[in-house]
N, C-alpha and C. Protein backbone atom coordinates (compact mmCIF):
# COMPACT_ATOMS: atom_id res chain seq x y z
N MET A 1 -37.39 174.18 -32.92
CA MET A 1 -36.90 174.06 -34.30
C MET A 1 -36.83 175.47 -34.93
N ARG A 2 -35.85 175.72 -35.67
CA ARG A 2 -35.65 176.98 -36.35
C ARG A 2 -36.57 177.00 -37.60
N ARG A 3 -37.35 178.07 -37.79
CA ARG A 3 -38.25 178.23 -38.97
C ARG A 3 -38.03 179.60 -39.56
N ILE A 4 -38.07 179.64 -40.88
CA ILE A 4 -37.96 180.90 -41.63
C ILE A 4 -39.28 181.19 -42.25
N ILE A 5 -39.83 182.36 -41.87
CA ILE A 5 -41.11 182.81 -42.40
C ILE A 5 -40.86 184.01 -43.31
N THR A 6 -41.47 184.04 -44.47
CA THR A 6 -41.40 185.25 -45.31
C THR A 6 -42.83 185.78 -45.47
N ALA A 7 -42.92 187.09 -45.49
CA ALA A 7 -44.22 187.72 -45.68
C ALA A 7 -44.04 188.92 -46.64
N THR A 8 -44.95 188.97 -47.59
CA THR A 8 -45.01 190.14 -48.45
C THR A 8 -46.14 190.99 -47.88
N VAL A 9 -45.87 192.34 -47.75
CA VAL A 9 -46.82 193.17 -47.13
C VAL A 9 -46.87 194.50 -47.87
N ASN A 10 -48.07 195.18 -47.70
CA ASN A 10 -48.11 196.55 -48.25
C ASN A 10 -47.19 197.34 -47.33
N ASN A 11 -46.41 198.25 -47.91
CA ASN A 11 -45.51 199.06 -47.12
C ASN A 11 -46.29 200.17 -46.56
N SER A 12 -46.90 199.97 -45.41
CA SER A 12 -47.65 200.99 -44.75
C SER A 12 -47.34 201.04 -43.22
N SER A 13 -47.64 202.13 -42.62
CA SER A 13 -47.35 202.29 -41.19
C SER A 13 -48.06 201.26 -40.27
N GLY A 14 -47.32 200.62 -39.39
CA GLY A 14 -47.92 199.76 -38.43
C GLY A 14 -47.82 198.28 -38.81
N VAL A 15 -47.55 197.95 -40.05
CA VAL A 15 -47.55 196.50 -40.48
C VAL A 15 -46.53 195.73 -39.65
N LEU A 16 -45.29 196.20 -39.55
CA LEU A 16 -44.28 195.50 -38.83
C LEU A 16 -44.67 195.30 -37.37
N ASN A 17 -45.27 196.32 -36.75
CA ASN A 17 -45.68 196.23 -35.39
C ASN A 17 -46.81 195.11 -35.21
N ARG A 18 -47.78 195.06 -36.14
CA ARG A 18 -48.79 194.06 -36.10
C ARG A 18 -48.19 192.66 -36.24
N ILE A 19 -47.23 192.50 -37.13
CA ILE A 19 -46.63 191.16 -37.36
C ILE A 19 -45.85 190.73 -36.14
N THR A 20 -45.04 191.56 -35.58
CA THR A 20 -44.30 191.22 -34.41
C THR A 20 -45.16 190.95 -33.22
N GLY A 21 -46.31 191.72 -33.17
CA GLY A 21 -47.25 191.49 -32.09
C GLY A 21 -47.84 190.10 -32.09
N VAL A 22 -48.19 189.56 -33.30
CA VAL A 22 -48.71 188.22 -33.43
C VAL A 22 -47.72 187.22 -32.88
N ILE A 23 -46.45 187.41 -33.19
CA ILE A 23 -45.44 186.45 -32.73
C ILE A 23 -45.16 186.58 -31.23
N SER A 24 -45.13 187.77 -30.77
CA SER A 24 -44.82 187.92 -29.34
C SER A 24 -46.03 187.53 -28.47
N ARG A 25 -47.30 187.69 -28.94
CA ARG A 25 -48.38 187.21 -28.17
C ARG A 25 -48.38 185.70 -27.92
N ARG A 26 -47.79 185.00 -28.92
CA ARG A 26 -47.63 183.57 -28.80
C ARG A 26 -46.37 183.19 -27.99
N GLN A 27 -45.69 184.19 -27.55
CA GLN A 27 -44.45 184.11 -26.71
C GLN A 27 -43.33 183.34 -27.42
N TYR A 28 -43.20 183.67 -28.70
CA TYR A 28 -42.04 183.14 -29.44
C TYR A 28 -41.03 184.29 -29.57
N ASN A 29 -39.72 183.96 -29.42
CA ASN A 29 -38.73 184.98 -29.62
C ASN A 29 -38.36 185.06 -31.12
N ILE A 30 -38.21 186.25 -31.59
CA ILE A 30 -37.72 186.47 -32.94
C ILE A 30 -36.22 186.46 -32.96
N ASP A 31 -35.62 185.50 -33.61
CA ASP A 31 -34.09 185.46 -33.70
C ASP A 31 -33.56 186.51 -34.59
N SER A 32 -34.24 186.72 -35.72
CA SER A 32 -33.89 187.83 -36.60
C SER A 32 -35.08 188.21 -37.45
N ILE A 33 -35.01 189.45 -37.88
CA ILE A 33 -36.11 189.96 -38.77
C ILE A 33 -35.46 190.95 -39.66
N SER A 34 -35.72 190.89 -40.93
CA SER A 34 -35.28 191.87 -41.96
C SER A 34 -36.41 192.28 -42.85
N VAL A 35 -36.34 193.52 -43.20
CA VAL A 35 -37.41 194.10 -44.06
C VAL A 35 -36.83 194.90 -45.13
N GLY A 36 -37.37 194.77 -46.35
CA GLY A 36 -36.90 195.61 -47.44
C GLY A 36 -37.87 195.63 -48.63
N TRP A 37 -37.66 196.57 -49.48
CA TRP A 37 -38.48 196.71 -50.66
C TRP A 37 -38.44 195.54 -51.57
N THR A 38 -39.46 195.28 -52.30
CA THR A 38 -39.46 194.19 -53.32
C THR A 38 -39.42 194.81 -54.70
N GLU A 39 -39.54 194.02 -55.69
CA GLU A 39 -39.63 194.50 -57.13
C GLU A 39 -40.93 195.22 -57.37
N ILE A 40 -41.92 195.12 -56.47
CA ILE A 40 -43.23 195.74 -56.68
C ILE A 40 -43.26 197.03 -55.80
N PRO A 41 -43.53 198.19 -56.47
CA PRO A 41 -43.59 199.40 -55.67
C PRO A 41 -44.58 199.31 -54.46
N ASN A 42 -44.17 199.83 -53.32
CA ASN A 42 -44.99 199.87 -52.09
C ASN A 42 -45.27 198.49 -51.47
N VAL A 43 -44.50 197.48 -51.89
CA VAL A 43 -44.64 196.16 -51.28
C VAL A 43 -43.26 195.81 -50.69
N SER A 44 -43.26 195.37 -49.44
CA SER A 44 -41.98 194.94 -48.82
C SER A 44 -42.05 193.46 -48.47
N ARG A 45 -40.81 192.88 -48.35
CA ARG A 45 -40.73 191.48 -47.91
C ARG A 45 -40.12 191.52 -46.52
N ILE A 46 -40.78 190.75 -45.68
CA ILE A 46 -40.24 190.60 -44.28
C ILE A 46 -39.77 189.17 -44.13
N THR A 47 -38.60 188.92 -43.66
CA THR A 47 -38.09 187.60 -43.36
C THR A 47 -37.86 187.47 -41.87
N ILE A 48 -38.52 186.54 -41.29
CA ILE A 48 -38.43 186.34 -39.77
C ILE A 48 -37.95 184.96 -39.51
N VAL A 49 -36.97 184.82 -38.56
CA VAL A 49 -36.49 183.60 -38.06
C VAL A 49 -36.91 183.46 -36.69
N VAL A 50 -37.65 182.33 -36.38
CA VAL A 50 -38.24 182.03 -35.05
C VAL A 50 -37.91 180.64 -34.70
N HIS A 51 -37.94 180.32 -33.38
CA HIS A 51 -37.84 178.96 -32.90
C HIS A 51 -39.14 178.57 -32.32
N VAL A 52 -39.68 177.45 -32.72
CA VAL A 52 -40.94 176.89 -32.20
C VAL A 52 -40.72 175.45 -31.88
N ASP A 53 -41.69 174.90 -31.05
CA ASP A 53 -41.57 173.52 -30.66
C ASP A 53 -42.14 172.54 -31.63
N SER A 54 -43.07 172.97 -32.51
CA SER A 54 -43.73 171.97 -33.39
C SER A 54 -44.15 172.66 -34.64
N LEU A 55 -44.41 171.79 -35.65
CA LEU A 55 -44.95 172.32 -36.94
C LEU A 55 -46.32 172.92 -36.77
N TYR A 56 -47.10 172.40 -35.84
CA TYR A 56 -48.45 172.93 -35.56
C TYR A 56 -48.34 174.35 -35.16
N GLU A 57 -47.37 174.73 -34.28
CA GLU A 57 -47.24 176.09 -33.81
C GLU A 57 -46.93 176.97 -34.94
N ILE A 58 -46.02 176.63 -35.80
CA ILE A 58 -45.70 177.55 -36.91
C ILE A 58 -46.81 177.69 -37.90
N GLU A 59 -47.58 176.62 -38.07
CA GLU A 59 -48.81 176.66 -38.89
C GLU A 59 -49.76 177.71 -38.32
N GLN A 60 -49.99 177.75 -37.03
CA GLN A 60 -50.86 178.65 -36.36
C GLN A 60 -50.37 180.11 -36.51
N VAL A 61 -49.10 180.29 -36.37
CA VAL A 61 -48.49 181.62 -36.54
C VAL A 61 -48.74 182.13 -37.94
N THR A 62 -48.45 181.29 -38.99
CA THR A 62 -48.60 181.77 -40.34
C THR A 62 -50.05 182.01 -40.65
N LYS A 63 -51.01 181.23 -40.11
CA LYS A 63 -52.47 181.51 -40.27
C LYS A 63 -52.82 182.86 -39.69
N GLN A 64 -52.36 183.12 -38.45
CA GLN A 64 -52.60 184.43 -37.83
C GLN A 64 -52.03 185.60 -38.61
N LEU A 65 -50.79 185.43 -39.12
CA LEU A 65 -50.16 186.46 -39.83
C LEU A 65 -50.88 186.76 -41.13
N ASN A 66 -51.41 185.70 -41.79
CA ASN A 66 -52.14 185.88 -43.04
C ASN A 66 -53.40 186.70 -42.84
N LYS A 67 -53.92 186.74 -41.63
CA LYS A 67 -55.20 187.47 -41.35
C LYS A 67 -54.95 188.97 -41.06
N GLN A 68 -53.71 189.34 -40.95
CA GLN A 68 -53.41 190.72 -40.61
C GLN A 68 -53.65 191.74 -41.79
N ILE A 69 -54.06 192.92 -41.44
CA ILE A 69 -54.26 193.95 -42.48
C ILE A 69 -52.97 194.26 -43.12
N ASP A 70 -53.03 194.46 -44.43
CA ASP A 70 -51.82 194.79 -45.23
C ASP A 70 -50.90 193.62 -45.47
N VAL A 71 -51.21 192.43 -44.99
CA VAL A 71 -50.34 191.25 -45.29
C VAL A 71 -50.85 190.62 -46.52
N LEU A 72 -50.04 190.47 -47.52
CA LEU A 72 -50.38 189.91 -48.84
C LEU A 72 -50.22 188.38 -48.86
N LYS A 73 -49.10 187.93 -48.34
CA LYS A 73 -48.85 186.46 -48.32
C LYS A 73 -47.79 186.12 -47.30
N VAL A 74 -48.04 185.03 -46.64
CA VAL A 74 -47.04 184.55 -45.58
C VAL A 74 -46.72 183.09 -45.92
N SER A 75 -45.46 182.73 -45.86
CA SER A 75 -45.03 181.37 -46.10
C SER A 75 -43.90 180.97 -45.13
N ASP A 76 -43.97 179.72 -44.76
CA ASP A 76 -42.90 179.07 -43.98
C ASP A 76 -42.06 178.40 -45.08
N ILE A 77 -40.82 178.98 -45.36
CA ILE A 77 -40.03 178.43 -46.50
C ILE A 77 -38.93 177.49 -46.02
N THR A 78 -38.93 177.14 -44.69
CA THR A 78 -37.83 176.34 -44.17
C THR A 78 -37.64 175.07 -44.86
N ASP A 79 -38.66 174.37 -45.23
CA ASP A 79 -38.55 173.03 -45.83
C ASP A 79 -38.55 173.10 -47.33
N ASP A 80 -38.73 174.27 -47.92
CA ASP A 80 -38.72 174.43 -49.40
C ASP A 80 -37.27 174.73 -49.81
N ALA A 81 -36.97 174.43 -51.08
CA ALA A 81 -35.64 174.80 -51.58
C ALA A 81 -35.58 176.37 -51.60
N HIS A 82 -34.70 176.90 -50.83
CA HIS A 82 -34.67 178.35 -50.67
C HIS A 82 -33.22 178.88 -50.61
N ILE A 83 -33.12 180.18 -50.76
CA ILE A 83 -31.83 180.84 -50.63
C ILE A 83 -31.99 181.81 -49.48
N GLU A 84 -31.01 181.74 -48.53
CA GLU A 84 -30.98 182.73 -47.46
C GLU A 84 -29.65 183.30 -47.30
N ARG A 85 -29.54 184.56 -46.96
CA ARG A 85 -28.29 185.20 -46.77
C ARG A 85 -28.36 186.14 -45.61
N GLU A 86 -27.23 186.46 -44.95
CA GLU A 86 -27.15 187.44 -43.94
C GLU A 86 -25.84 188.20 -44.16
N LEU A 87 -25.81 189.47 -43.76
CA LEU A 87 -24.68 190.31 -43.84
C LEU A 87 -24.20 190.63 -42.45
N ALA A 88 -22.89 190.59 -42.24
CA ALA A 88 -22.31 191.06 -40.97
C ALA A 88 -21.16 191.97 -41.20
N LEU A 89 -21.05 192.99 -40.41
CA LEU A 89 -19.91 193.91 -40.37
C LEU A 89 -19.29 193.72 -39.02
N LEU A 90 -17.92 193.57 -39.04
CA LEU A 90 -17.16 193.40 -37.80
C LEU A 90 -16.01 194.28 -37.83
N LYS A 91 -15.85 195.06 -36.66
CA LYS A 91 -14.67 195.88 -36.46
C LYS A 91 -13.75 195.06 -35.61
N ILE A 92 -12.58 194.77 -36.15
CA ILE A 92 -11.65 193.81 -35.49
C ILE A 92 -10.32 194.47 -35.22
N ASN A 93 -9.79 194.22 -33.99
CA ASN A 93 -8.42 194.72 -33.68
C ASN A 93 -7.48 194.21 -34.73
N SER A 94 -6.62 195.07 -35.26
CA SER A 94 -5.76 194.64 -36.30
C SER A 94 -4.61 195.66 -36.46
N PRO A 95 -3.66 195.55 -35.55
CA PRO A 95 -2.46 196.38 -35.76
C PRO A 95 -1.81 196.03 -37.09
N ALA A 96 -1.08 196.92 -37.67
CA ALA A 96 -0.49 196.75 -38.99
C ALA A 96 0.32 195.44 -39.10
N ALA A 97 0.94 195.01 -38.01
CA ALA A 97 1.79 193.80 -38.07
C ALA A 97 0.93 192.49 -38.28
N LEU A 98 -0.32 192.57 -37.93
CA LEU A 98 -1.14 191.37 -38.05
C LEU A 98 -2.08 191.34 -39.28
N ARG A 99 -2.06 192.40 -40.06
CA ARG A 99 -3.02 192.57 -41.18
C ARG A 99 -2.86 191.49 -42.24
N SER A 100 -1.66 191.06 -42.62
CA SER A 100 -1.50 190.08 -43.61
C SER A 100 -2.05 188.76 -43.13
N GLU A 101 -1.76 188.44 -41.84
CA GLU A 101 -2.27 187.25 -41.16
C GLU A 101 -3.80 187.20 -41.19
N LEU A 102 -4.35 188.33 -40.76
CA LEU A 102 -5.82 188.44 -40.81
C LEU A 102 -6.43 188.32 -42.19
N ASN A 103 -5.82 188.90 -43.18
CA ASN A 103 -6.30 188.69 -44.52
C ASN A 103 -6.30 187.25 -44.98
N ALA A 104 -5.32 186.49 -44.58
CA ALA A 104 -5.27 185.05 -44.89
C ALA A 104 -6.38 184.31 -44.20
N VAL A 105 -6.72 184.77 -42.99
CA VAL A 105 -7.77 184.09 -42.22
C VAL A 105 -9.15 184.32 -42.85
N ILE A 106 -9.38 185.57 -43.31
CA ILE A 106 -10.74 185.91 -43.78
C ILE A 106 -10.92 185.51 -45.25
N GLU A 107 -9.91 185.27 -46.00
CA GLU A 107 -10.00 184.94 -47.47
C GLU A 107 -10.82 183.68 -47.72
N PRO A 108 -10.76 182.56 -46.96
CA PRO A 108 -11.65 181.42 -47.26
C PRO A 108 -13.15 181.71 -47.09
N PHE A 109 -13.45 182.74 -46.35
CA PHE A 109 -14.85 183.07 -46.09
C PHE A 109 -15.36 184.06 -47.17
N ARG A 110 -14.46 184.47 -48.10
CA ARG A 110 -14.76 185.47 -49.09
C ARG A 110 -15.21 186.78 -48.43
N ALA A 111 -14.71 187.07 -47.25
CA ALA A 111 -14.95 188.35 -46.56
C ALA A 111 -14.08 189.40 -47.18
N THR A 112 -14.50 190.68 -47.04
CA THR A 112 -13.70 191.75 -47.56
C THR A 112 -13.47 192.83 -46.49
N VAL A 113 -12.28 193.39 -46.52
CA VAL A 113 -11.99 194.52 -45.70
C VAL A 113 -12.60 195.79 -46.37
N ILE A 114 -13.49 196.51 -45.66
CA ILE A 114 -14.14 197.67 -46.27
C ILE A 114 -13.71 198.99 -45.63
N ASP A 115 -12.98 198.90 -44.49
CA ASP A 115 -12.39 200.16 -43.93
C ASP A 115 -11.17 199.75 -43.08
N VAL A 116 -10.17 200.62 -43.18
CA VAL A 116 -8.90 200.39 -42.46
C VAL A 116 -8.60 201.63 -41.59
N GLY A 117 -8.36 201.29 -40.27
CA GLY A 117 -7.97 202.35 -39.37
C GLY A 117 -6.54 202.05 -38.84
N THR A 118 -6.06 202.84 -37.96
CA THR A 118 -4.70 202.63 -37.43
C THR A 118 -4.62 201.37 -36.57
N LYS A 119 -5.66 201.12 -35.82
CA LYS A 119 -5.65 200.01 -34.89
C LYS A 119 -6.62 198.88 -35.22
N ASN A 120 -7.54 199.05 -36.13
CA ASN A 120 -8.49 198.02 -36.49
C ASN A 120 -8.98 198.16 -37.96
N VAL A 121 -9.68 197.08 -38.35
CA VAL A 121 -10.26 197.07 -39.72
C VAL A 121 -11.74 196.67 -39.56
N VAL A 122 -12.51 197.08 -40.58
CA VAL A 122 -13.92 196.65 -40.65
C VAL A 122 -14.00 195.63 -41.80
N ILE A 123 -14.61 194.49 -41.51
CA ILE A 123 -14.68 193.49 -42.45
C ILE A 123 -16.24 193.17 -42.72
N GLN A 124 -16.50 192.92 -43.95
CA GLN A 124 -17.86 192.53 -44.42
C GLN A 124 -17.85 191.10 -44.83
N VAL A 125 -18.92 190.37 -44.38
CA VAL A 125 -19.02 188.94 -44.80
C VAL A 125 -20.53 188.68 -45.01
N THR A 126 -20.83 187.93 -46.01
CA THR A 126 -22.16 187.50 -46.34
C THR A 126 -22.25 186.01 -46.46
N GLY A 127 -23.44 185.48 -46.24
CA GLY A 127 -23.63 184.02 -46.29
C GLY A 127 -24.78 183.54 -45.43
N THR A 128 -24.83 182.28 -45.19
CA THR A 128 -25.78 181.74 -44.30
C THR A 128 -25.45 182.09 -42.87
N SER A 129 -26.45 181.93 -41.96
CA SER A 129 -26.15 182.26 -40.56
C SER A 129 -25.00 181.37 -40.04
N GLU A 130 -25.00 180.15 -40.46
CA GLU A 130 -23.94 179.21 -40.02
C GLU A 130 -22.54 179.66 -40.51
N LYS A 131 -22.45 180.17 -41.69
CA LYS A 131 -21.21 180.73 -42.20
C LYS A 131 -20.74 181.92 -41.37
N ILE A 132 -21.70 182.81 -41.10
CA ILE A 132 -21.39 184.04 -40.29
C ILE A 132 -20.93 183.61 -38.92
N ASP A 133 -21.62 182.64 -38.28
CA ASP A 133 -21.23 182.12 -36.95
C ASP A 133 -19.74 181.62 -37.02
N ALA A 134 -19.49 180.79 -38.04
CA ALA A 134 -18.14 180.25 -38.17
C ALA A 134 -17.10 181.35 -38.35
N PHE A 135 -17.41 182.40 -39.15
CA PHE A 135 -16.51 183.53 -39.38
C PHE A 135 -16.20 184.21 -38.05
N VAL A 136 -17.31 184.47 -37.29
CA VAL A 136 -17.12 185.19 -36.02
C VAL A 136 -16.25 184.39 -35.08
N ASP A 137 -16.47 183.03 -35.01
CA ASP A 137 -15.64 182.26 -34.17
C ASP A 137 -14.15 182.27 -34.58
N THR A 138 -13.92 182.37 -35.93
CA THR A 138 -12.55 182.34 -36.44
C THR A 138 -11.81 183.66 -36.13
N VAL A 139 -12.50 184.80 -36.16
CA VAL A 139 -11.83 186.09 -35.94
C VAL A 139 -11.91 186.52 -34.51
N ARG A 140 -12.70 185.84 -33.63
CA ARG A 140 -12.84 186.27 -32.28
C ARG A 140 -11.47 186.42 -31.51
N PRO A 141 -10.49 185.52 -31.86
CA PRO A 141 -9.22 185.69 -31.08
C PRO A 141 -8.50 186.95 -31.35
N TYR A 142 -8.81 187.61 -32.47
CA TYR A 142 -8.15 188.90 -32.80
C TYR A 142 -8.76 190.05 -31.98
N GLY A 143 -9.92 189.83 -31.50
CA GLY A 143 -10.63 190.87 -30.66
C GLY A 143 -11.64 191.59 -31.50
N ILE A 144 -12.92 191.32 -31.30
CA ILE A 144 -14.02 192.02 -31.98
C ILE A 144 -14.43 193.18 -31.20
N LYS A 145 -14.25 194.36 -31.82
CA LYS A 145 -14.62 195.62 -31.11
C LYS A 145 -16.09 195.92 -31.27
N GLN A 146 -16.67 195.67 -32.50
CA GLN A 146 -18.09 195.90 -32.76
C GLN A 146 -18.52 194.87 -33.79
N MET A 147 -19.80 194.53 -33.72
CA MET A 147 -20.38 193.63 -34.74
C MET A 147 -21.81 194.04 -34.95
N ALA A 148 -22.27 194.08 -36.21
CA ALA A 148 -23.63 194.26 -36.53
C ALA A 148 -24.02 193.25 -37.63
N ARG A 149 -25.12 192.56 -37.37
CA ARG A 149 -25.65 191.50 -38.27
C ARG A 149 -27.06 191.93 -38.78
N THR A 150 -27.31 191.73 -40.01
CA THR A 150 -28.59 192.16 -40.58
C THR A 150 -29.75 191.22 -40.23
N GLY A 151 -29.45 190.00 -39.94
CA GLY A 151 -30.44 188.96 -39.88
C GLY A 151 -30.69 188.35 -41.27
N VAL A 152 -31.41 187.25 -41.26
CA VAL A 152 -31.62 186.49 -42.48
C VAL A 152 -32.61 187.11 -43.40
N THR A 153 -32.29 187.13 -44.71
CA THR A 153 -33.26 187.46 -45.70
C THR A 153 -33.23 186.41 -46.80
N GLY A 154 -34.33 186.13 -47.43
CA GLY A 154 -34.35 185.11 -48.45
C GLY A 154 -35.71 184.88 -49.08
N PHE A 155 -35.67 183.86 -49.94
CA PHE A 155 -36.88 183.45 -50.65
C PHE A 155 -36.68 182.13 -51.26
N THR A 156 -37.75 181.49 -51.74
CA THR A 156 -37.69 180.18 -52.36
C THR A 156 -36.98 180.26 -53.68
N ARG A 157 -36.34 179.14 -54.00
CA ARG A 157 -35.63 179.04 -55.28
C ARG A 157 -36.62 178.77 -56.38
N SER A 158 -36.15 178.99 -57.64
CA SER A 158 -36.98 178.67 -58.81
C SER A 158 -37.27 177.21 -58.90
N SER A 159 -38.43 176.83 -59.27
CA SER A 159 -38.73 175.41 -59.31
C SER A 159 -38.17 174.71 -60.54
N LYS A 160 -37.97 175.45 -61.64
CA LYS A 160 -37.41 174.83 -62.85
C LYS A 160 -36.10 175.47 -63.14
N LYS A 161 -35.09 174.73 -63.53
CA LYS A 161 -33.80 175.28 -63.90
C LYS A 161 -33.84 175.61 -65.42
N MET A 162 -33.18 176.72 -65.74
CA MET A 162 -33.04 177.10 -67.12
C MET A 162 -32.16 176.10 -67.84
N GLY A 163 -32.49 175.69 -69.07
CA GLY A 163 -31.74 174.65 -69.80
C GLY A 163 -30.91 175.29 -70.82
């Protein structure tokens, strides 16, 4: 089962290595990992997507992660109301004759062309992993020259809506 773990950590040397070490020692593969600054100086948020066989296993992983030096808080947010996003950049074959057709194909995904060359374009798309997968499947027939995906980042939604 796919699980999303978020961790807030002190932004210090070796933290990421210790976190990935805990997960790899348990022989789980990390599907994606993203790290970035938070609103608090010197604190980063790490979002990790892993596949485990049971809830017990993810509970053990989160307990082990919480024990690590410089880890402030670890949560499995998969079952909570949460927001997750991923960014993908794709360089796609696109001779000038096909550009209007390609633009029509990418428009429903709210993707944007961010660079234009003589033989290809670079497109940026954001959304859930499922949306990114669907986009990749849709543009694959045009010929993907390069692709880079950031991996999932996210956090829990607010518990109360503003009135």
